[in-house]
Each structure stands twice: as C-alpha cells, then as structure tokens.
PDB file of N, CA and C in Angstrom:
ATOM      1  N   UNK A   1      96.579  97.323 119.076  1.00  0.00           N
ATOM      2  CA  UNK A   1      96.888  96.424 118.206  1.00  0.00           C
ATOM      3  C   UNK A   1      97.429  94.875 118.210  1.00  0.00           C
ATOM      4  N   UNK A   2      96.267  93.840 117.670  1.00  0.00           N
ATOM      5  CA  UNK A   2      95.925  92.610 118.142  1.00  0.00           C
ATOM      6  C   UNK A   2      97.664  91.925 117.515  1.00  0.00           C
ATOM      7  N   UNK A   3      97.520  90.988 118.205  1.00  0.00           N
ATOM      8  CA  UNK A   3      98.573  90.051 117.008  1.00  0.00           C
ATOM      9  C   UNK A   3      98.857  89.679 115.877  1.00  0.00           C
ATOM     10  N   UNK A   4      97.463  89.515 115.050  1.00  0.00           N
ATOM     11  CA  UNK A   4      97.186  89.384 113.812  1.00  0.00           C
ATOM     12  C   UNK A   4      97.714  90.368 113.128  1.00  0.00           C
ATOM     13  N   UNK A   5      97.258  91.753 113.364  1.00  0.00           N
ATOM     14  CA  UNK A   5      97.438  92.702 113.202  1.00  0.00           C
ATOM     15  C   UNK A   5      99.128  93.260 112.877  1.00  0.00           C
ATOM     16  N   UNK A   6      99.716  92.562 114.113  1.00  0.00           N
ATOM     17  CA  UNK A   6     101.456  93.486 114.055  1.00  0.00           C
ATOM     18  C   UNK A   6     101.773  92.470 112.904  1.00  0.00           C
ATOM     19  N   UNK A   7     101.568  91.474 112.806  1.00  0.00           N
ATOM     20  CA  UNK A   7     102.000  90.036 111.926  1.00  0.00           C
ATOM     21  C   UNK A   7     102.156  90.449 110.710  1.00  0.00           C
ATOM     22  N   UNK A   8     100.302  90.783 110.438  1.00  0.00           N
ATOM     23  CA  UNK A   8     100.178  91.155 108.780  1.00  0.00           C
ATOM     24  C   UNK A   8     100.687  92.282 108.655  1.00  0.00           C
ATOM     25  N   UNK A   9     100.879  93.553 109.472  1.00  0.00           N
ATOM     26  CA  UNK A   9     102.127  94.571 109.060  1.00  0.00           C
ATOM     27  C   UNK A   9     103.320  94.056 108.809  1.00  0.00           C
ATOM     28  N   UNK A  10     103.942  93.357 109.818  1.00  0.00           N
ATOM     29  CA  UNK A  10     105.177  93.347 109.904  1.00  0.00           C
ATOM     30  C   UNK A  10     105.569  92.448 108.745  1.00  0.00           C
ATOM     31  N   UNK A  11     105.253  91.211 108.161  1.00  0.00           N
ATOM     32  CA  UNK A  11     105.141  90.577 106.667  1.00  0.00           C
ATOM     33  C   UNK A  11     104.445  91.392 104.973  1.00  0.00           C
ATOM     34  N   UNK A  12     103.749  92.356 105.608  1.00  0.00           N
ATOM     35  CA  UNK A  12     103.147  92.644 104.156  1.00  0.00           C
ATOM     36  C   UNK A  12     104.015  93.800 104.224  1.00  0.00           C
ATOM     37  N   UNK A  13     104.382  94.352 105.191  1.00  0.00           N
ATOM     38  CA  UNK A  13     105.097  96.006 105.063  1.00  0.00           C
ATOM     39  C   UNK A  13     106.667  96.067 105.529  1.00  0.00           C
ATOM     40  N   UNK A  14     107.102  95.671 106.375  1.00  0.00           N
ATOM     41  CA  UNK A  14     108.265  95.617 106.709  1.00  0.00           C
ATOM     42  C   UNK A  14     109.376  94.562 106.047  1.00  0.00           C
ATOM     43  N   UNK A  15     108.895  93.386 105.445  1.00  0.00           N
ATOM     44  CA  UNK A  15     109.494  92.569 104.315  1.00  0.00           C
ATOM     45  C   UNK A  15     108.567  92.761 103.485  1.00  0.00           C
ATOM     46  N   UNK A  16     108.560  93.597 102.770  1.00  0.00           N
ATOM     47  CA  UNK A  16     107.577  93.959 101.648  1.00  0.00           C
ATOM     48  C   UNK A  16     108.471  93.462 100.148  1.00  0.00           C
ATOM     49  N   UNK A  17     110.383  93.119 100.412  1.00  0.00           N
ATOM     50  CA  UNK A  17     110.872  92.997  99.677  1.00  0.00           C
ATOM     51  C   UNK A  17     110.897  91.628  99.576  1.00  0.00           C
ATOM     52  N   UNK A  18     110.886  91.129 100.553  1.00  0.00           N
ATOM     53  CA  UNK A  18     110.557  89.187 100.624  1.00  0.00           C
ATOM     54  C   UNK A  18     109.473  88.807  99.666  1.00  0.00           C
ATOM     55  N   UNK A  19     108.198  89.870  99.581  1.00  0.00           N
ATOM     56  CA  UNK A  19     107.111  89.208  99.176  1.00  0.00           C
ATOM     57  C   UNK A  19     107.029  88.000  97.851  1.00  0.00           C
ATOM     58  N   UNK A  20     106.485  87.330  97.879  1.00  0.00           N
ATOM     59  CA  UNK A  20     105.951  86.174  96.782  1.00  0.00           C
ATOM     60  C   UNK A  20     105.854  86.734  95.407  1.00  0.00           C
ATOM     61  N   UNK A  21     105.990  86.656  94.238  1.00  0.00           N
ATOM     62  CA  UNK A  21     106.260  87.452  92.972  1.00  0.00           C
ATOM     63  C   UNK A  21     104.618  87.433  92.444  1.00  0.00           C
ATOM     64  N   UNK A  22     103.902  88.373  92.755  1.00  0.00           N
ATOM     65  CA  UNK A  22     102.290  88.518  92.643  1.00  0.00           C
ATOM     66  C   UNK A  22     101.595  88.975  93.646  1.00  0.00           C
ATOM     67  N   UNK A  23     102.393  89.050  94.624  1.00  0.00           N
ATOM     68  CA  UNK A  23     101.653  89.189  96.444  1.00  0.00           C
ATOM     69  C   UNK A  23     101.948  91.264  96.557  1.00  0.00           C
ATOM     70  N   UNK A  24     100.875  91.572  95.561  1.00  0.00           N
ATOM     71  CA  UNK A  24     100.747  92.912  95.694  1.00  0.00           C
ATOM     72  C   UNK A  24      99.983  93.345  96.877  1.00  0.00           C
ATOM     73  N   UNK A  25     100.183  95.122  96.894  1.00  0.00           N
ATOM     74  CA  UNK A  25      99.231  95.384  97.523  1.00  0.00           C
ATOM     75  C   UNK A  25      97.968  95.662  97.526  1.00  0.00           C
ATOM     76  N   UNK A  26      97.372  95.846  96.194  1.00  0.00           N
ATOM     77  CA  UNK A  26      95.901  95.584  96.180  1.00  0.00           C
ATOM     78  C   UNK A  26      95.252  94.360  96.655  1.00  0.00           C
ATOM     79  N   UNK A  27      96.041  93.065  95.817  1.00  0.00           N
ATOM     80  CA  UNK A  27      95.577  91.872  96.203  1.00  0.00           C
ATOM     81  C   UNK A  27      95.453  91.426  98.065  1.00  0.00           C
ATOM     82  N   UNK A  28      96.411  91.839  98.331  1.00  0.00           N
ATOM     83  CA  UNK A  28      96.381  91.878  99.746  1.00  0.00           C
ATOM     84  C   UNK A  28      95.396  92.688 101.136  1.00  0.00           C
ATOM     85  N   UNK A  29      95.151  93.778  99.979  1.00  0.00           N
ATOM     86  CA  UNK A  29      93.594  94.573 100.137  1.00  0.00           C
ATOM     87  C   UNK A  29      92.362  93.299 100.239  1.00  0.00           C
ATOM     88  N   UNK A  30      92.201  92.562  99.219  1.00  0.00           N
ATOM     89  CA  UNK A  30      91.423  92.522  98.854  1.00  0.00           C
ATOM     90  C   UNK A  30      91.015  91.093  99.582  1.00  0.00           C
ATOM     91  N   UNK A  31      92.079  90.495 100.248  1.00  0.00           N
ATOM     92  CA  UNK A  31      91.884  89.112 101.140  1.00  0.00           C
ATOM     93  C   UNK A  31      91.891  89.230 102.397  1.00  0.00           C
ATOM     94  N   UNK A  32      92.366  90.939 103.056  1.00  0.00           N
ATOM     95  CA  UNK A  32      92.794  90.713 104.538  1.00  0.00           C
ATOM     96  C   UNK A  32      91.698  90.506 105.360  1.00  0.00           C
ATOM     97  N   UNK A  33      90.422  90.682 105.077  1.00  0.00           N
ATOM     98  CA  UNK A  33      89.211  90.771 106.001  1.00  0.00           C
ATOM     99  C   UNK A  33      89.087  88.695 105.880  1.00  0.00           C
ATOM    100  N   UNK A  34      89.417  88.390 104.683  1.00  0.00           N
ATOM    101  CA  UNK A  34      88.990  86.870 104.604  1.00  0.00           C
ATOM    102  C   UNK A  34      90.154  86.110 105.958  1.00  0.00           C
ATOM    103  N   UNK A  35      91.755  86.816 105.322  1.00  0.00           N
ATOM    104  CA  UNK A  35      92.791  85.987 106.072  1.00  0.00           C
ATOM    105  C   UNK A  35      92.354  86.168 107.373  1.00  0.00           C
ATOM    106  N   UNK A  36      92.096  87.426 108.466  1.00  0.00           N
ATOM    107  CA  UNK A  36      91.748  87.686 109.387  1.00  0.00           C
ATOM    108  C   UNK A  36      90.971  86.865 110.438  1.00  0.00           C
ATOM    109  N   UNK A  37      89.741  86.614 109.486  1.00  0.00           N
ATOM    110  CA  UNK A  37      88.690  85.712 109.920  1.00  0.00           C
ATOM    111  C   UNK A  37      88.991  84.215 109.730  1.00  0.00           C
ATOM    112  N   UNK A  38      90.009  83.885 108.935  1.00  0.00           N
ATOM    113  CA  UNK A  38      90.444  82.190 109.224  1.00  0.00           C
ATOM    114  C   UNK A  38      90.989  81.712 110.158  1.00  0.00           C
ATOM    115  N   UNK A  39      90.575  81.061 110.873  1.00  0.00           N
ATOM    116  CA  UNK A  39      91.297  80.746 112.628  1.00  0.00           C
ATOM    117  C   UNK A  39      92.856  79.672 112.239  1.00  0.00           C
ATOM    118  N   UNK A  40      92.571  79.276 111.225  1.00  0.00           N
ATOM    119  CA  UNK A  40      93.619  77.961 110.741  1.00  0.00           C
ATOM    120  C   UNK A  40      94.463  78.839 110.437  1.00  0.00           C
ATOM    121  N   UNK A  41      94.466  79.382 109.247  1.00  0.00           N
ATOM    122  CA  UNK A  41      95.883  80.404 109.100  1.00  0.00           C
ATOM    123  C   UNK A  41      96.627  80.483 110.147  1.00  0.00           C
ATOM    124  N   UNK A  42      95.843  81.077 110.853  1.00  0.00           N
ATOM    125  CA  UNK A  42      96.864  82.191 112.179  1.00  0.00           C
ATOM    126  C   UNK A  42      97.167  81.023 113.190  1.00  0.00           C
ATOM    127  N   UNK A  43      96.191  80.087 112.925  1.00  0.00           N
ATOM    128  CA  UNK A  43      96.935  78.810 114.402  1.00  0.00           C
ATOM    129  C   UNK A  43      98.336  78.129 113.756  1.00  0.00           C
ATOM    130  N   UNK A  44      97.971  78.124 112.211  1.00  0.00           N
ATOM    131  CA  UNK A  44      99.609  77.598 111.316  1.00  0.00           C
ATOM    132  C   UNK A  44     100.787  78.501 110.997  1.00  0.00           C
ATOM    133  N   UNK A  45     100.344  80.220 111.049  1.00  0.00           N
ATOM    134  CA  UNK A  45     100.962  80.605 111.193  1.00  0.00           C
ATOM    135  C   UNK A  45     102.318  80.950 112.367  1.00  0.00           C
ATOM    136  N   UNK A  46     101.260  81.424 113.207  1.00  0.00           N
ATOM    137  CA  UNK A  46     101.661  81.709 114.615  1.00  0.00           C
ATOM    138  C   UNK A  46     101.874  80.806 115.867  1.00  0.00           C
ATOM    139  N   UNK A  47     101.147  79.863 116.329  1.00  0.00           N
ATOM    140  CA  UNK A  47     101.236  78.889 117.246  1.00  0.00           C
ATOM    141  C   UNK A  47     101.841  77.872 116.744  1.00  0.00           C
ATOM    142  N   UNK A  48     101.838  77.685 115.512  1.00  0.00           N
ATOM    143  CA  UNK A  48     102.603  76.364 114.781  1.00  0.00           C
ATOM    144  C   UNK A  48     104.291  76.413 115.344  1.00  0.00           C
ATOM    145  N   UNK A  49     104.346  77.915 115.140  1.00  0.00           N
ATOM    146  CA  UNK A  49     106.316  78.287 115.349  1.00  0.00           C
ATOM    147  C   UNK A  49     106.481  78.785 116.666  1.00  0.00           C
ATOM    148  N   UNK A  50     105.313  79.078 117.233  1.00  0.00           N
ATOM    149  CA  UNK A  50     105.781  79.599 118.753  1.00  0.00           C
ATOM    150  C   UNK A  50     105.489  81.473 118.905  1.00  0.00           C
ATOM    151  N   UNK A  51     104.964  81.578 117.340  1.00  0.00           N
ATOM    152  CA  UNK A  51     105.472  82.834 117.537  1.00  0.00           C
ATOM    153  C   UNK A  51     104.117  83.873 118.514  1.00  0.00           C
ATOM    154  N   UNK A  52     103.134  83.369 118.616  1.00  0.00           N
ATOM    155  CA  UNK A  52     102.028  83.959 119.825  1.00  0.00           C
ATOM    156  C   UNK A  52     102.733  83.849 120.974  1.00  0.00           C
ATOM    157  N   UNK A  53     103.959  83.503 121.340  1.00  0.00           N
ATOM    158  CA  UNK A  53     104.211  83.700 122.954  1.00  0.00           C
ATOM    159  C   UNK A  53     104.949  84.899 122.695  1.00  0.00           C
ATOM    160  N   UNK A  54     105.168  85.597 121.692  1.00  0.00           N
ATOM    161  CA  UNK A  54     105.841  86.936 121.657  1.00  0.00           C
ATOM    162  C   UNK A  54     104.993  88.258 121.731  1.00  0.00           C
ATOM    163  N   UNK A  55     105.465  89.361 121.495  1.00  0.00           N
ATOM    164  CA  UNK A  55     104.767  90.687 122.033  1.00  0.00           C
ATOM    165  C   UNK A  55     104.379  91.108 121.138  1.00  0.00           C
ATOM    166  N   UNK A  56     105.034  91.091 119.745  1.00  0.00           N
ATOM    167  CA  UNK A  56     105.345  91.877 118.685  1.00  0.00           C
ATOM    168  C   UNK A  56     106.180  90.734 117.678  1.00  0.00           C
ATOM    169  N   UNK A  57     106.362  90.959 116.231  1.00  0.00           N
ATOM    170  CA  UNK A  57     107.310  89.963 115.448  1.00  0.00           C
ATOM    171  C   UNK A  57     108.851  90.251 115.624  1.00  0.00           C
ATOM    172  N   UNK A  58     108.679  91.090 116.000  1.00  0.00           N
ATOM    173  CA  UNK A  58     110.279  92.096 116.346  1.00  0.00           C
ATOM    174  C   UNK A  58     111.066  91.077 117.885  1.00  0.00           C
ATOM    175  N   UNK A  59     110.152  90.789 118.692  1.00  0.00           N
ATOM    176  CA  UNK A  59     111.042  90.503 119.536  1.00  0.00           C
ATOM    177  C   UNK A  59     110.890  88.349 119.144  1.00  0.00           C
ATOM    178  N   UNK A  60     109.989  88.040 118.536  1.00  0.00           N
ATOM    179  CA  UNK A  60     110.333  86.613 118.030  1.00  0.00           C
ATOM    180  C   UNK A  60     111.198  86.821 117.356  1.00  0.00           C
ATOM    181  N   UNK A  61     111.455  87.348 116.171  1.00  0.00           N
ATOM    182  CA  UNK A  61     112.655  87.892 115.629  1.00  0.00           C
ATOM    183  C   UNK A  61     113.781  87.349 116.227  1.00  0.00           C
ATOM    184  N   UNK A  62     114.116  88.096 117.248  1.00  0.00           N
ATOM    185  CA  UNK A  62     115.469  88.515 118.140  1.00  0.00           C
ATOM    186  C   UNK A  62     115.492  86.890 118.768  1.00  0.00           C
ATOM    187  N   UNK A  63     114.397  86.362 119.528  1.00  0.00           N
ATOM    188  CA  UNK A  63     114.792  85.348 120.254  1.00  0.00           C
ATOM    189  C   UNK A  63     114.409  83.988 119.619  1.00  0.00           C
ATOM    190  N   UNK A  64     114.364  83.834 118.746  1.00  0.00           N
ATOM    191  CA  UNK A  64     113.874  82.338 117.865  1.00  0.00           C
ATOM    192  C   UNK A  64     115.250  82.441 116.917  1.00  0.00           C
ATOM    193  N   UNK A  65     115.158  81.517 116.515  1.00  0.00           N
ATOM    194  CA  UNK A  65     116.349  80.649 115.382  1.00  0.00           C
ATOM    195  C   UNK A  65     115.600  81.562 114.152  1.00  0.00           C
ATOM    196  N   UNK A  66     116.886  81.978 113.433  1.00  0.00           N
ATOM    197  CA  UNK A  66     116.453  82.780 112.204  1.00  0.00           C
ATOM    198  C   UNK A  66     115.945  81.524 111.063  1.00  0.00           C
ATOM    199  N   UNK A  67     115.889  80.417 111.094  1.00  0.00           N
ATOM    200  CA  UNK A  67     115.216  79.702 110.621  1.00  0.00           C
ATOM    201  C   UNK A  67     113.959  78.761 110.856  1.00  0.00           C
ATOM    202  N   UNK A  68     113.793  79.487 112.183  1.00  0.00           N
ATOM    203  CA  UNK A  68     112.126  79.442 112.466  1.00  0.00           C
ATOM    204  C   UNK A  68     111.345  80.386 112.401  1.00  0.00           C
ATOM    205  N   UNK A  69     111.624  82.013 112.377  1.00  0.00           N
ATOM    206  CA  UNK A  69     111.567  82.694 111.908  1.00  0.00           C
ATOM    207  C   UNK A  69     111.157  83.028 110.523  1.00  0.00           C
ATOM    208  N   UNK A  70     112.177  82.612 109.802  1.00  0.00           N
ATOM    209  CA  UNK A  70     112.018  82.904 108.026  1.00  0.00           C
ATOM    210  C   UNK A  70     111.025  81.642 107.772  1.00  0.00           C
ATOM    211  N   UNK A  71     110.841  80.383 108.334  1.00  0.00           N
ATOM    212  CA  UNK A  71     109.736  79.024 108.062  1.00  0.00           C
ATOM    213  C   UNK A  71     108.337  79.626 108.647  1.00  0.00           C
ATOM    214  N   UNK A  72     108.249  80.738 109.476  1.00  0.00           N
ATOM    215  CA  UNK A  72     106.743  80.888 109.649  1.00  0.00           C
ATOM    216  C   UNK A  72     106.369  82.265 109.071  1.00  0.00           C
ATOM    217  N   UNK A  73     107.524  83.285 108.421  1.00  0.00           N
ATOM    218  CA  UNK A  73     106.678  84.022 107.439  1.00  0.00           C
ATOM    219  C   UNK A  73     106.729  83.141 106.314  1.00  0.00           C
ATOM    220  N   UNK A  74     107.267  82.245 105.441  1.00  0.00           N
ATOM    221  CA  UNK A  74     106.991  81.526 104.220  1.00  0.00           C
ATOM    222  C   UNK A  74     106.108  80.685 104.624  1.00  0.00           C
ATOM    223  N   UNK A  75     105.872  80.241 105.488  1.00  0.00           N
ATOM    224  CA  UNK A  75     104.454  79.776 105.984  1.00  0.00           C
ATOM    225  C   UNK A  75     103.082  81.078 105.634  1.00  0.00           C
ATOM    226  N   UNK A  76     103.520  82.283 105.879  1.00  0.00           N
ATOM    227  CA  UNK A  76     102.720  83.249 105.994  1.00  0.00           C
ATOM    228  C   UNK A  76     101.793  83.605 104.926  1.00  0.00           C
ATOM    229  N   UNK A  77     103.357  83.655 103.843  1.00  0.00           N
ATOM    230  CA  UNK A  77     103.418  84.267 102.316  1.00  0.00           C
ATOM    231  C   UNK A  77     102.601  83.009 101.526  1.00  0.00           C
ATOM    232  N   UNK A  78     102.791  81.538 102.093  1.00  0.00           N
ATOM    233  CA  UNK A  78     102.511  80.053 100.932  1.00  0.00           C
ATOM    234  C   UNK A  78     101.066  79.714 101.635  1.00  0.00           C
ATOM    235  N   UNK A  79     100.475  80.570 102.637  1.00  0.00           N
ATOM    236  CA  UNK A  79      98.995  80.750 102.810  1.00  0.00           C
ATOM    237  C   UNK A  79      98.186  81.571 101.976  1.00  0.00           C
ATOM    238  N   UNK A  80      98.636  82.856 102.282  1.00  0.00           N
ATOM    239  CA  UNK A  80      98.414  84.232 101.036  1.00  0.00           C
ATOM    240  C   UNK A  80      98.054  83.865  99.465  1.00  0.00           C
ATOM    241  N   UNK A  81      99.266  83.024  99.408  1.00  0.00           N
ATOM    242  CA  UNK A  81      99.084  82.621  97.948  1.00  0.00           C
ATOM    243  C   UNK A  81      98.150  81.955  97.797  1.00  0.00           C
ATOM    244  N   UNK A  82      98.043  80.527  98.457  1.00  0.00           N
ATOM    245  CA  UNK A  82      96.874  79.700  98.089  1.00  0.00           C
ATOM    246  C   UNK A  82      95.047  80.475  98.568  1.00  0.00           C
ATOM    247  N   UNK A  83      95.065  81.380  99.371  1.00  0.00           N
ATOM    248  CA  UNK A  83      94.101  82.127  99.507  1.00  0.00           C
ATOM    249  C   UNK A  83      93.638  82.789  97.997  1.00  0.00           C
ATOM    250  N   UNK A  84      94.566  83.556  97.375  1.00  0.00           N
ATOM    251  CA  UNK A  84      94.772  84.077  96.229  1.00  0.00           C
ATOM    252  C   UNK A  84      94.411  83.303  94.910  1.00  0.00           C
ATOM    253  N   UNK A  85      95.204  82.395  95.258  1.00  0.00           N
ATOM    254  CA  UNK A  85      94.510  81.216  94.121  1.00  0.00           C
ATOM    255  C   UNK A  85      93.084  80.967  94.213  1.00  0.00           C
ATOM    256  N   UNK A  86      92.754  80.286  95.332  1.00  0.00           N
ATOM    257  CA  UNK A  86      91.464  79.971  95.521  1.00  0.00           C
ATOM    258  C   UNK A  86      90.257  81.497  94.984  1.00  0.00           C
ATOM    259  N   UNK A  87      90.428  82.142  95.404  1.00  0.00           N
ATOM    260  CA  UNK A  87      90.046  83.720  95.194  1.00  0.00           C
ATOM    261  C   UNK A  87      90.386  84.183  93.091  1.00  0.00           C
ATOM    262  N   UNK A  88      90.930  83.150  92.589  1.00  0.00           N
ATOM    263  CA  UNK A  88      91.076  83.639  91.387  1.00  0.00           C
ATOM    264  C   UNK A  88      91.800  84.531  90.902  1.00  0.00           C
ATOM    265  N   UNK A  89      92.687  85.048  91.894  1.00  0.00           N
ATOM    266  CA  UNK A  89      92.960  86.541  91.950  1.00  0.00           C
ATOM    267  C   UNK A  89      94.923  86.455  91.170  1.00  0.00           C
ATOM    268  N   UNK A  90      94.956  85.209  90.975  1.00  0.00           N
ATOM    269  CA  UNK A  90      96.461  84.671  90.397  1.00  0.00           C
ATOM    270  C   UNK A  90      95.885  83.972  88.849  1.00  0.00           C
ATOM    271  N   UNK A  91      96.565  84.135  88.027  1.00  0.00           N
ATOM    272  CA  UNK A  91      96.338  83.249  86.813  1.00  0.00           C
ATOM    273  C   UNK A  91      97.607  83.130  85.954  1.00  0.00           C
ATOM    274  N   UNK A  92      97.734  82.126  84.680  1.00  0.00           N
ATOM    275  CA  UNK A  92      99.074  81.902  84.695  1.00  0.00           C
ATOM    276  C   UNK A  92      99.423  83.288  83.899  1.00  0.00           C
ATOM    277  N   UNK A  93      98.813  84.399  83.780  1.00  0.00           N
ATOM    278  CA  UNK A  93      99.016  85.647  82.891  1.00  0.00           C
ATOM    279  C   UNK A  93     100.327  86.202  83.987  1.00  0.00           C
ATOM    280  N   UNK A  94      99.579  86.229  85.588  1.00  0.00           N
ATOM    281  CA  UNK A  94     100.435  86.447  86.879  1.00  0.00           C
ATOM    282  C   UNK A  94     101.540  85.993  86.962  1.00  0.00           C
ATOM    283  N   UNK A  95     102.091  84.855  86.797  1.00  0.00           N
ATOM    284  CA  UNK A  95     103.409  83.707  87.100  1.00  0.00           C
ATOM    285  C   UNK A  95     102.879  82.689  85.984  1.00  0.00           C
ATOM    286  N   UNK A  96     103.629  82.628  85.192  1.00  0.00           N
ATOM    287  CA  UNK A  96     103.231  81.037  84.321  1.00  0.00           C
ATOM    288  C   UNK A  96     103.996  80.212  84.807  1.00  0.00           C
ATOM    289  N   UNK A  97     105.270  80.392  85.230  1.00  0.00           N
ATOM    290  CA  UNK A  97     105.807  78.989  86.324  1.00  0.00           C
ATOM    291  C   UNK A  97     105.073  78.761  87.026  1.00  0.00           C
ATOM    292  N   UNK A  98     104.458  78.888  87.820  1.00  0.00           N
ATOM    293  CA  UNK A  98     103.559  78.689  88.804  1.00  0.00           C
ATOM    294  C   UNK A  98     102.507  77.526  88.530  1.00  0.00           C
ATOM    295  N   UNK A  99     102.230  77.618  87.473  1.00  0.00           N
ATOM    296  CA  UNK A  99     101.241  76.708  86.405  1.00  0.00           C
ATOM    297  C   UNK A  99     101.864  75.542  85.560  1.00  0.00           C
ATOM    298  N   UNK A 100     103.031  75.630  85.428  1.00  0.00           N
ATOM    299  CA  UNK A 100     103.955  74.747  84.908  1.00  0.00           C
ATOM    300  C   UNK A 100     104.105  73.152  85.176  1.00  0.00           C
TER     301      UNK A 100
END
C-alpha cells in the first residue's frame, strides 16, 4: 500500500466520525480516482505538513504535534469538499449553511 492509500484509508475510514457534513462513502468513491491523480492535492496535504516523512498516518500522528496532524486532516477534507463542489456533488440542499 502506498502512502496516498494509507492516508486516504486513515482519514476516510479510521477518522470517519470527523468527516465534514455531506462527505459520504458514496461521494468519496466517486472522486477517489480524481483525488489520487491530483499531485497538488497530495503535495498540499502530505508534503506541506511533513507527513510524507513518515511510514504511515499513525507514526505521523504520534511524532508530530496534535495541531499539525489536525491541520493536515483538515486540509485533506477541505480539498475533498472543494472537489465535491467542483463536481456538483454538493448542493444547497446538502448543506444550506455552506452557501449562505
């Protein structure tokens, strides 16, 4: 399993309870190939936070500050949500507060 897959699985499955509203399994499946092909996404999420220097997300979480780890996770989901919006997967009916 490569590093992208490890972080994808960790953030979308093991921290499922922390996902943003509207970030469902079905929607994640639809955009997964697009996300995996997006080099900017992964450089922003992994390289910018130093996560690419660790073997897996658990090591990163244990050896970095909690703030850095949560910032990395937040960027991951922020960019996931941007991709969903760009692909018209989220509407005002999904989360009315998002569009006010």
